[in-house]
Protein backbone atom coordinates (compact mmCIF):
# COMPACT_ATOMS: atom_id res chain seq x y z
CA MET A 1 37.41 -2.36 13.48
CA LYS A 2 38.05 1.26 12.64
CA LYS A 3 36.06 3.87 14.49
CA LEU A 4 33.40 5.61 12.43
CA LEU A 5 33.50 9.38 12.32
CA LEU A 6 30.44 11.17 13.61
CA ILE A 7 29.04 13.21 10.76
CA PRO A 8 27.80 16.58 12.01
CA PHE A 9 24.52 17.86 10.71
CA ILE A 10 22.23 20.77 11.38
CA LEU A 11 18.93 20.10 13.11
CA ILE A 12 16.15 22.30 11.84
CA SER A 13 12.60 21.81 13.03
CA PHE A 14 9.28 23.49 12.87
CA LEU A 15 6.24 22.99 15.06
CA SER A 16 2.86 23.65 13.57
CA SER A 17 -0.02 24.70 15.77
CA ALA A 18 -2.04 22.07 13.91
CA GLN A 19 0.50 19.32 14.57
CA LYS A 20 -1.24 16.26 16.00
CA THR A 21 1.14 13.39 15.29
CA GLU A 22 3.42 12.73 18.25
CA ASN A 23 4.48 9.21 17.27
CA ILE A 24 5.26 7.42 14.02
CA ILE A 25 5.47 3.74 13.13
CA ILE A 26 7.20 2.89 9.85
CA ILE A 27 6.72 -0.62 8.46
CA THR A 28 8.33 -2.27 5.45
CA THR A 29 7.68 -5.72 4.00
CA ASP A 30 10.58 -6.60 1.76
CA GLY A 31 9.94 -6.81 -1.98
CA PHE A 32 6.16 -7.27 -1.89
CA ARG A 33 4.87 -6.39 -5.35
CA TRP A 34 2.33 -3.70 -6.17
CA GLN A 35 0.62 -6.25 -8.41
CA GLU A 36 -0.62 -8.33 -5.46
CA VAL A 37 -1.35 -5.26 -3.35
CA PHE A 38 -3.71 -3.79 -5.95
CA LYS A 39 -4.78 -6.74 -8.14
CA GLY A 40 -4.72 -9.64 -5.74
CA MET A 41 -3.58 -13.18 -6.47
CA ASP A 42 -1.83 -13.78 -9.79
CA THR A 43 -3.53 -16.85 -11.26
CA ALA A 44 -0.78 -17.47 -13.81
CA ILE A 45 1.77 -17.87 -11.02
CA ALA A 46 -0.62 -19.83 -8.79
CA ASN A 47 -1.29 -22.28 -11.63
CA ASP A 48 2.41 -22.84 -12.35
CA LYS A 49 3.75 -26.04 -10.76
CA LYS A 50 7.18 -24.39 -10.44
CA PHE A 51 5.75 -21.86 -8.00
CA ASN A 52 2.62 -23.15 -6.25
CA GLN A 53 4.38 -25.62 -3.93
CA GLY A 54 2.08 -28.35 -5.18
CA ASP A 55 -0.92 -26.75 -3.52
CA SER A 56 -2.80 -24.49 -5.92
CA THR A 57 -6.03 -25.59 -4.22
CA TYR A 58 -4.91 -23.91 -0.98
CA ILE A 59 -3.92 -20.70 -2.81
CA TYR A 60 -7.23 -20.50 -4.66
CA LYS A 61 -9.33 -21.27 -1.59
CA LYS A 62 -7.61 -18.66 0.54
CA TYR A 63 -6.89 -15.83 -1.90
CA TYR A 64 -8.78 -16.19 -5.18
CA SER A 65 -11.73 -14.16 -6.39
CA ALA A 66 -12.83 -13.37 -9.92
CA ASP A 67 -13.03 -9.79 -8.67
CA SER A 68 -9.47 -8.51 -8.18
CA ASN A 69 -10.68 -6.08 -5.51
CA GLU A 70 -12.00 -9.00 -3.48
CA SER A 71 -8.82 -11.01 -4.03
CA ARG A 72 -6.63 -8.20 -2.73
CA LYS A 73 -8.86 -7.92 0.34
CA LYS A 74 -8.31 -11.61 1.02
CA ILE A 75 -4.54 -11.07 1.01
CA MET A 76 -4.58 -7.82 3.00
CA PRO A 77 -7.97 -7.40 4.70
CA PHE A 78 -6.89 -4.76 7.23
CA PHE A 79 -5.05 -2.78 4.57
CA TRP A 80 -8.12 -2.68 2.31
CA SER A 81 -10.58 -1.89 5.09
CA GLU A 82 -9.05 0.33 7.78
CA ILE A 83 -6.24 1.99 5.81
CA ALA A 84 -8.31 2.31 2.63
CA SER A 85 -11.08 4.07 4.57
CA LYS A 86 -8.97 6.24 6.88
CA GLY A 87 -5.69 6.80 5.04
CA GLN A 88 -4.14 6.91 1.58
CA ILE A 89 -2.72 4.19 -0.68
CA TYR A 90 -0.43 4.90 -3.64
CA GLY A 91 1.08 2.83 -6.41
CA ASN A 92 -1.69 1.38 -8.58
CA ARG A 93 -0.03 1.73 -11.98
CA ASP A 94 -3.23 0.69 -13.76
CA PHE A 95 -4.37 4.24 -12.98
CA GLY A 96 -1.01 5.81 -13.79
CA ASN A 97 -0.42 6.27 -10.07
CA ASN A 98 3.28 5.50 -10.14
CA VAL A 99 5.71 5.16 -7.26
CA ASP A 100 9.30 4.16 -8.07
CA VAL A 101 12.70 3.83 -6.50
CA SER A 102 15.18 6.44 -7.73
CA ASN A 103 18.32 4.38 -7.21
CA PRO A 104 19.43 2.40 -10.30
CA TYR A 105 20.02 -0.90 -8.50
CA TRP A 106 16.54 -2.12 -7.48
CA PHE A 107 17.50 -4.26 -4.52
CA SER A 108 17.42 -4.02 -0.75
CA TYR A 109 20.30 -2.03 0.79
CA PRO A 110 20.05 0.82 -1.77
CA GLY A 111 16.26 0.82 -1.36
CA TYR A 112 16.24 0.98 2.42
CA SER A 113 18.95 3.63 2.31
CA GLU A 114 16.85 5.71 -0.09
CA ILE A 115 13.78 5.38 2.14
CA MET A 116 15.65 6.43 5.25
CA THR A 117 18.04 9.10 3.93
CA GLY A 118 15.91 10.78 1.26
CA ASN A 119 18.89 10.51 -1.04
CA VAL A 120 20.42 8.22 -3.67
CA ASP A 121 24.04 7.38 -2.95
CA LEU A 122 25.44 5.61 -6.02
CA GLN A 123 28.28 4.19 -3.93
CA ILE A 124 25.74 1.99 -2.13
CA ASN A 125 25.60 -0.70 -4.79
CA ALA A 126 25.71 -3.97 -2.84
CA ASN A 127 23.81 -5.59 0.03
CA SER A 128 27.18 -6.18 1.65
CA TYR A 129 27.99 -2.45 1.68
CA LYS A 130 29.65 -1.08 4.81
CA ALA A 131 27.94 1.08 7.45
CA ASN A 132 25.87 3.75 5.70
CA PRO A 133 27.73 7.10 5.63
CA ASN A 134 24.47 9.00 5.01
CA VAL A 135 22.37 10.47 7.81
CA ASN A 136 18.98 8.75 8.15
CA ILE A 137 15.64 10.18 9.24
CA LEU A 138 15.47 7.99 12.36
CA GLU A 139 18.86 9.29 13.44
CA PHE A 140 17.67 12.84 12.78
CA LEU A 141 14.49 12.38 14.81
CA ASN A 142 16.44 10.83 17.67
CA GLN A 143 18.47 14.04 17.89
CA GLN A 144 15.36 16.16 18.46
CA PRO A 145 14.75 16.99 22.14
CA LYS A 146 11.21 15.55 22.18
CA GLU A 147 12.22 12.33 20.41
CA LYS A 148 15.68 11.73 21.88
CA GLY A 149 16.05 8.28 23.36
CA LYS A 150 12.63 7.25 22.07
CA THR A 151 13.65 5.86 18.68
CA VAL A 152 14.15 2.15 17.95
CA ALA A 153 14.28 -0.14 14.91
CA PHE A 154 13.63 -3.86 14.48
CA GLY A 155 14.57 -5.71 11.30
CA ALA A 156 14.51 -9.39 10.38
CA TRP A 157 17.63 -8.96 8.20
CA ASP A 158 21.07 -8.51 9.79
CA ALA A 159 22.03 -5.74 7.33
CA PHE A 160 19.93 -3.15 9.17
CA ASP A 161 22.74 -2.52 11.64
CA ARG A 162 24.74 -1.21 8.66
CA ILE A 163 21.87 0.38 6.71
CA LEU A 164 20.93 2.52 9.72
CA ASN A 165 24.55 2.79 10.92
CA GLU A 166 23.66 1.84 14.48
CA LYS A 167 27.07 2.78 15.84
CA ARG A 168 26.87 6.38 14.61
CA SER A 169 23.12 6.85 14.79
CA ASN A 170 23.08 6.08 18.51
CA PHE A 171 19.68 4.41 18.73
CA PRO A 172 18.97 0.67 19.11
CA VAL A 173 18.76 -1.39 15.91
CA ILE A 174 17.68 -4.95 16.72
CA SER A 175 18.28 -7.04 13.61
CA ALA A 176 18.12 -10.76 12.84
CA PHE A 177 19.42 -12.68 15.87
CA ASP A 178 20.41 -9.71 18.02
CA LYS A 179 19.31 -10.18 21.60
CA VAL A 180 16.65 -7.93 23.10
CA GLY A 181 16.66 -6.59 26.65
CA GLY A 182 20.29 -5.53 26.95
CA LYS A 183 22.03 -6.26 30.27
CA LYS A 184 18.77 -6.39 32.22
CA PRO A 185 16.39 -8.54 30.15
CA THR A 186 12.89 -9.10 31.49
CA ALA A 187 11.22 -12.50 31.48
CA ASN A 188 9.59 -11.57 28.17
CA HIS A 189 12.96 -10.60 26.68
CA LYS A 190 14.52 -13.87 27.80
CA LEU A 191 11.68 -15.88 26.29
CA LEU A 192 11.85 -13.97 22.99
CA ASN A 193 15.62 -14.48 22.82
CA GLU A 194 15.35 -18.18 23.60
CA MET A 195 12.57 -18.86 21.09
CA ARG A 196 14.33 -16.92 18.33
CA ASP A 197 17.72 -18.54 18.90
CA ASN A 198 16.23 -22.04 19.00
CA SER A 199 13.90 -21.54 16.04
CA PHE A 200 13.92 -23.04 12.58
CA LYS A 201 16.37 -20.95 10.50
CA PRO A 202 15.39 -21.23 6.82
CA PHE A 203 17.40 -18.08 6.02
CA HIS A 204 20.40 -19.17 8.11
CA GLU A 205 21.97 -16.57 10.42
CA ASP A 206 21.35 -13.65 8.04
CA GLU A 207 17.67 -13.31 8.78
CA CYS A 208 15.25 -14.52 11.42
CA LEU A 209 11.62 -15.41 10.86
CA ASP A 210 9.33 -12.38 10.86
CA VAL A 211 7.36 -13.63 13.85
CA PHE A 212 10.31 -12.88 16.15
CA THR A 213 10.92 -9.41 14.72
CA HIS A 214 7.23 -8.64 15.12
CA TYR A 215 6.87 -9.72 18.75
CA GLU A 216 10.13 -8.10 19.76
CA ALA A 217 8.83 -4.83 18.28
CA LEU A 218 5.37 -5.26 19.79
CA ASN A 219 6.87 -5.90 23.22
CA GLU A 220 8.93 -2.71 22.86
CA LEU A 221 5.84 -0.77 21.82
CA LYS A 222 3.86 -1.97 24.83
CA THR A 223 6.57 -1.62 27.48
CA ASN A 224 8.94 1.20 26.52
CA LYS A 225 6.51 3.26 24.40
CA PRO A 226 8.89 4.59 21.70
CA LYS A 227 7.81 7.66 19.74
CA VAL A 228 9.60 6.57 16.57
CA LEU A 229 9.41 2.86 15.71
CA TYR A 230 10.61 1.10 12.56
CA ILE A 231 9.72 -2.55 11.82
CA ALA A 232 11.18 -4.32 8.77
CA TYR A 233 9.66 -7.69 7.83
CA GLY A 234 11.53 -9.85 5.35
CA GLU A 235 9.74 -13.07 4.49
CA THR A 236 7.82 -11.73 1.49
CA ASP A 237 11.15 -11.33 -0.31
CA GLU A 238 12.67 -14.58 0.91
CA TRP A 239 9.75 -16.76 -0.18
CA ALA A 240 9.56 -14.96 -3.53
CA HIS A 241 13.24 -15.66 -4.21
CA ALA A 242 12.55 -19.30 -3.37
CA GLY A 243 9.69 -19.33 -5.90
CA HIS A 244 7.18 -20.25 -3.19
CA TYR A 245 4.07 -18.29 -4.16
CA LYS A 246 1.87 -19.79 -1.44
CA SER A 247 4.34 -18.80 1.27
CA TYR A 248 4.85 -15.38 -0.32
CA LEU A 249 1.12 -14.64 -0.13
CA ASP A 250 0.87 -16.12 3.36
CA ALA A 251 3.74 -13.91 4.53
CA ALA A 252 1.99 -10.79 3.19
CA ASN A 253 -1.29 -11.88 4.76
CA GLN A 254 0.50 -12.36 8.09
CA VAL A 255 2.10 -8.91 7.89
CA ASP A 256 -1.39 -7.46 7.37
CA LYS A 257 -2.57 -9.23 10.55
CA TRP A 258 0.41 -7.89 12.47
CA ILE A 259 -0.23 -4.34 11.25
CA LYS A 260 -3.79 -4.72 12.52
CA GLU A 261 -2.48 -5.94 15.88
CA ILE A 262 -0.15 -2.96 16.14
CA TRP A 263 -2.84 -0.48 15.15
CA ASN A 264 -5.39 -1.94 17.56
CA PHE A 265 -2.91 -1.52 20.40
CA VAL A 266 -2.07 2.02 19.28
CA GLN A 267 -5.70 3.05 19.17
CA ASN A 268 -6.34 1.71 22.66
CA ASP A 269 -3.34 3.27 24.38
CA PRO A 270 -3.52 6.84 25.76
CA GLN A 271 -0.02 7.78 24.57
CA TYR A 272 -0.70 6.70 21.01
CA LYS A 273 -4.45 6.98 20.36
CA ASN A 274 -5.19 9.58 17.63
CA LYS A 275 -1.60 10.84 17.95
CA THR A 276 0.18 8.20 15.84
CA THR A 277 0.82 7.94 12.10
CA LEU A 278 1.50 4.66 10.32
CA LEU A 279 3.53 4.54 7.08
CA ILE A 280 3.93 1.28 5.14
CA THR A 281 6.09 0.66 2.08
CA VAL A 282 8.69 -1.60 0.41
CA ASP A 283 12.34 -1.41 -0.60
CA HIS A 284 11.89 -2.54 -4.22
CA GLY A 285 9.50 -4.27 -6.58
CA ARG A 286 9.80 -7.51 -8.55
CA GLY A 287 9.63 -8.65 -12.14
CA ASP A 288 6.35 -9.02 -14.03
CA LYS A 289 7.26 -9.13 -17.74
CA THR A 290 7.39 -12.92 -17.62
CA LYS A 291 5.90 -14.98 -14.82
CA ALA A 292 9.30 -16.49 -14.10
CA GLN A 293 10.64 -13.04 -13.22
CA TRP A 294 8.29 -12.48 -10.27
CA THR A 295 10.86 -14.25 -8.09
CA ASP A 296 13.60 -11.74 -8.80
CA HIS A 297 14.56 -8.08 -8.80
CA GLY A 298 17.57 -5.93 -9.66
CA LYS A 299 18.51 -3.53 -12.42
CA ASP A 300 18.13 -6.18 -15.14
CA ILE A 301 14.58 -7.12 -14.11
CA GLU A 302 11.95 -4.93 -15.74
CA GLY A 303 9.42 -3.66 -13.21
CA ALA A 304 11.62 -4.13 -10.15
CA SER A 305 11.76 -0.36 -9.60
CA GLN A 306 7.99 -0.20 -9.10
CA ILE A 307 6.82 0.15 -5.50
CA TRP A 308 3.84 1.34 -3.41
CA PHE A 309 3.12 2.93 -0.06
CA ALA A 310 0.30 3.71 2.33
CA ALA A 311 -0.16 6.07 5.26
CA MET A 312 -2.77 6.67 7.95
CA GLY A 313 -2.81 9.10 10.86
CA PRO A 314 -3.82 12.55 12.14
CA GLU A 315 -1.91 14.48 9.45
CA ILE A 316 -3.14 12.26 6.59
CA ALA A 317 -6.31 13.13 4.68
CA PRO A 318 -8.62 10.08 4.35
CA LYS A 319 -8.58 9.79 0.55
CA GLY A 320 -8.30 6.01 0.25
CA GLU A 321 -6.79 4.46 -2.87
CA ILE A 322 -5.37 7.24 -5.04
CA LYS A 323 -6.38 6.74 -8.67
CA THR A 324 -5.04 9.95 -10.20
CA ALA A 325 -2.00 9.88 -12.46
CA THR A 326 1.17 11.00 -10.71
CA GLN A 327 4.83 10.13 -10.27
CA LEU A 328 6.29 9.79 -6.78
CA TYR A 329 9.64 8.44 -5.61
CA GLN A 330 11.03 6.43 -2.75
CA LYS A 331 13.49 9.19 -1.85
CA GLN A 332 10.53 11.40 -0.85
CA PHE A 333 9.64 9.21 2.13
CA ALA A 334 12.31 10.51 4.51
CA GLN A 335 11.21 14.13 4.33
CA THR A 336 7.58 13.00 4.42
CA ILE A 337 8.27 11.18 7.71
CA ALA A 338 9.94 14.32 9.07
CA LYS A 339 7.00 16.55 8.09
CA ILE A 340 4.50 14.11 9.61
CA MET A 341 6.38 14.52 12.90
CA GLY A 342 6.52 18.31 12.54
CA TYR A 343 10.15 18.71 11.40
CA THR A 344 12.21 19.51 8.34
CA PHE A 345 14.90 16.89 7.75
CA THR A 346 18.29 18.35 6.83
CA ALA A 347 21.59 16.53 6.39
CA PRO A 348 24.99 16.99 4.71
CA HIS A 349 23.59 15.19 1.65
CA PRO A 350 20.60 16.33 -0.44
CA VAL A 351 17.16 15.40 0.91
CA GLU A 352 14.27 15.13 -1.55
CA LYS A 353 11.06 17.10 -0.87
CA GLU A 354 8.10 15.53 0.90
CA ILE A 355 4.95 14.13 -0.72
CA THR A 356 2.78 17.22 -0.25
CA GLU A 357 -0.47 15.70 -1.50
CA LEU A 358 -0.46 13.29 1.44
CA PHE A 359 -1.20 15.99 3.99
CA LYS A 360 -4.46 17.57 5.07
CA ASN A 361 -4.97 21.10 3.76
């Protein structure tokens, strides 16, 4: 394999006297639609025998309500209680509150690259694309003196090694079936590795089940106390592609429980309590024009550019669900992450401006 060239970039930072966030946790759940986030269970899909896995009764009992606000709470109870009361949630297009990807491809690698680099690179047009030549925000933060050596990423999908260019970025990226613990694994590391490797593999060797990614990340959070943590769950996308609506909703519901678990730990740990910001988003949307298109995404699927995001933490004003008309873009997340941590993200490529309305005045 050819050696990758280290791309030099200038590190510019600012420290505000009002800066309170010292840690950031970024979470993505692959391809989870804004429709379920804001409107709850889709009855047309749940009623369709092609998609309900022969168990519409289960879906209705667990997630249905005639009130869409109640249905969405059943899918994501922590999201619509804690984050809705203490943070901000964007992307409800019924109010004209639009969040979109800027890249023209509307699938995963370009989406994650846009999130992390603040830039659209048109050369990144396949999930099989090589190691990302663009500098990412995690790499940038890891170069800052206060954050150096305290950045780590966990992803269910094996492409994250390339998306985040682990070799050049010089921080750990644990993806799919990568082992945790390095050369000196603890008993917990050994157990996590053994369970993951001997698990059911519905997505083959490309992607592990989210439960392993979650507990690997949670173990890292509790033991090594990173200041910058990225967790990328993948099952929402996998079950949608399979047309399994029950499993798709269950995966989202489980992610919500895991976010609650992470936040409860954060708010009971001295290093993290009231000094940590949480940002949650997705890499792309899914189709909605016809019910059959909910399983898919890509440039030919109308609506697949439509995404959402939420944030909660010391720098974030507690405005709840944002219902004002606006247009925001995925490429704004990288600079927003930098500003939350008290920096300005610069790189050899363009970096889009932050989402200013997110911050406290």
